[in-house]
């Protein structure tokens, strides 16, 4: 997971800059907006295992 984060940190601006040079900055940022919305929508489908329904800590502790 860390490698993917660092790779995106390094390659992301280069890819956005290259796409912006070929098109426009607004167009270059569309994939970023799309992936952010996708992550937000998919995160709602992941079950929350960290907190008990009654507001207590997880049962796994």
C-alpha atoms as a PDB file:
ATOM      1  CA  UNK A   1       0.000   0.000   0.000  1.00  0.00           C
ATOM      2  CA  UNK A   2       2.820   2.387   0.807  1.00  0.00           C
ATOM      3  CA  UNK A   3       4.489   1.765  -2.547  1.00  0.00           C
ATOM      4  CA  UNK A   4       1.272   2.636  -4.362  1.00  0.00           C
ATOM      5  CA  UNK A   5       0.943   5.833  -2.346  1.00  0.00           C
ATOM      6  CA  UNK A   6       4.508   6.949  -3.017  1.00  0.00           C
ATOM      7  CA  UNK A   7       4.230   5.986  -6.681  1.00  0.00           C
ATOM      8  CA  UNK A   8       1.085   8.055  -7.067  1.00  0.00           C
ATOM      9  CA  UNK A   9       2.711  10.948  -5.220  1.00  0.00           C
ATOM     10  CA  UNK A  10       5.597  10.951  -7.697  1.00  0.00           C
ATOM     11  CA  UNK A  11       3.806  10.032 -10.932  1.00  0.00           C
ATOM     12  CA  UNK A  12       0.502  11.877 -10.357  1.00  0.00           C
ATOM     13  CA  UNK A  13       1.699  15.440 -10.951  1.00  0.00           C
ATOM     14  CA  UNK A  14       3.699  14.361 -13.994  1.00  0.00           C
ATOM     15  CA  UNK A  15       0.671  12.647 -15.518  1.00  0.00           C
ATOM     16  CA  UNK A  16      -1.657  15.561 -14.746  1.00  0.00           C
ATOM     17  CA  UNK A  17       0.869  18.044 -16.137  1.00  0.00           C
ATOM     18  CA  UNK A  18       1.353  16.041 -19.318  1.00  0.00           C
ATOM     19  CA  UNK A  19      -2.381  15.710 -19.828  1.00  0.00           C
ATOM     20  CA  UNK A  20      -2.860  19.432 -19.098  1.00  0.00           C
ATOM     21  CA  UNK A  21      -0.202  20.330 -21.678  1.00  0.00           C
ATOM     22  CA  UNK A  22      -1.987  18.212 -24.267  1.00  0.00           C
ATOM     23  CA  UNK A  23      -5.507  19.417 -23.415  1.00  0.00           C
ATOM     24  CA  UNK A  24      -6.409  21.823 -20.607  1.00  0.00           C
ATOM     25  CA  UNK A  25      -6.027  21.863 -16.844  1.00  0.00           C
ATOM     26  CA  UNK A  26      -9.753  21.322 -16.377  1.00  0.00           C
ATOM     27  CA  UNK A  27      -9.666  18.229 -18.583  1.00  0.00           C
ATOM     28  CA  UNK A  28      -6.500  16.972 -16.889  1.00  0.00           C
ATOM     29  CA  UNK A  29      -8.145  17.095 -13.460  1.00  0.00           C
ATOM     30  CA  UNK A  30     -11.252  15.142 -14.507  1.00  0.00           C
ATOM     31  CA  UNK A  31      -9.655  11.714 -13.851  1.00  0.00           C
ATOM     32  CA  UNK A  32      -8.699  12.907 -10.364  1.00  0.00           C
ATOM     33  CA  UNK A  33     -12.261  14.021  -9.643  1.00  0.00           C
ATOM     34  CA  UNK A  34     -13.627  10.764 -11.057  1.00  0.00           C
ATOM     35  CA  UNK A  35     -11.383   8.537  -8.972  1.00  0.00           C
ATOM     36  CA  UNK A  36     -12.099  10.587  -5.851  1.00  0.00           C
ATOM     37  CA  UNK A  37     -15.838  10.178  -6.357  1.00  0.00           C
ATOM     38  CA  UNK A  38     -15.368   6.480  -7.074  1.00  0.00           C
ATOM     39  CA  UNK A  39     -13.408   5.952  -3.861  1.00  0.00           C
ATOM     40  CA  UNK A  40     -16.019   7.871  -1.863  1.00  0.00           C
ATOM     41  CA  UNK A  41     -18.853   5.783  -3.313  1.00  0.00           C
ATOM     42  CA  UNK A  42     -17.035   2.485  -2.843  1.00  0.00           C
ATOM     43  CA  UNK A  43     -16.075   3.372   0.733  1.00  0.00           C
ATOM     44  CA  UNK A  44     -19.743   3.402   1.664  1.00  0.00           C
ATOM     45  CA  UNK A  45     -19.968  -0.288   0.729  1.00  0.00           C
ATOM     46  CA  UNK A  46     -17.145  -1.401   3.048  1.00  0.00           C
ATOM     47  CA  UNK A  47     -18.452  -2.711   6.370  1.00  0.00           C
ATOM     48  CA  UNK A  48     -17.319  -0.801   9.444  1.00  0.00           C
ATOM     49  CA  UNK A  49     -15.662  -3.312  11.775  1.00  0.00           C
ATOM     50  CA  UNK A  50     -13.985  -0.797  14.062  1.00  0.00           C
ATOM     51  CA  UNK A  51     -16.876   0.346  16.255  1.00  0.00           C
ATOM     52  CA  UNK A  52     -19.628  -1.628  17.928  1.00  0.00           C
ATOM     53  CA  UNK A  53     -23.200  -0.593  17.036  1.00  0.00           C
ATOM     54  CA  UNK A  54     -23.747   0.509  20.637  1.00  0.00           C
ATOM     55  CA  UNK A  55     -20.908   3.017  20.409  1.00  0.00           C
ATOM     56  CA  UNK A  56     -18.300   0.917  22.176  1.00  0.00           C
ATOM     57  CA  UNK A  57     -14.994  -0.406  20.953  1.00  0.00           C
ATOM     58  CA  UNK A  58     -14.636  -3.261  18.536  1.00  0.00           C
ATOM     59  CA  UNK A  59     -15.398  -6.781  19.692  1.00  0.00           C
ATOM     60  CA  UNK A  60     -12.085  -7.906  18.205  1.00  0.00           C
ATOM     61  CA  UNK A  61     -10.065  -6.301  21.009  1.00  0.00           C
END
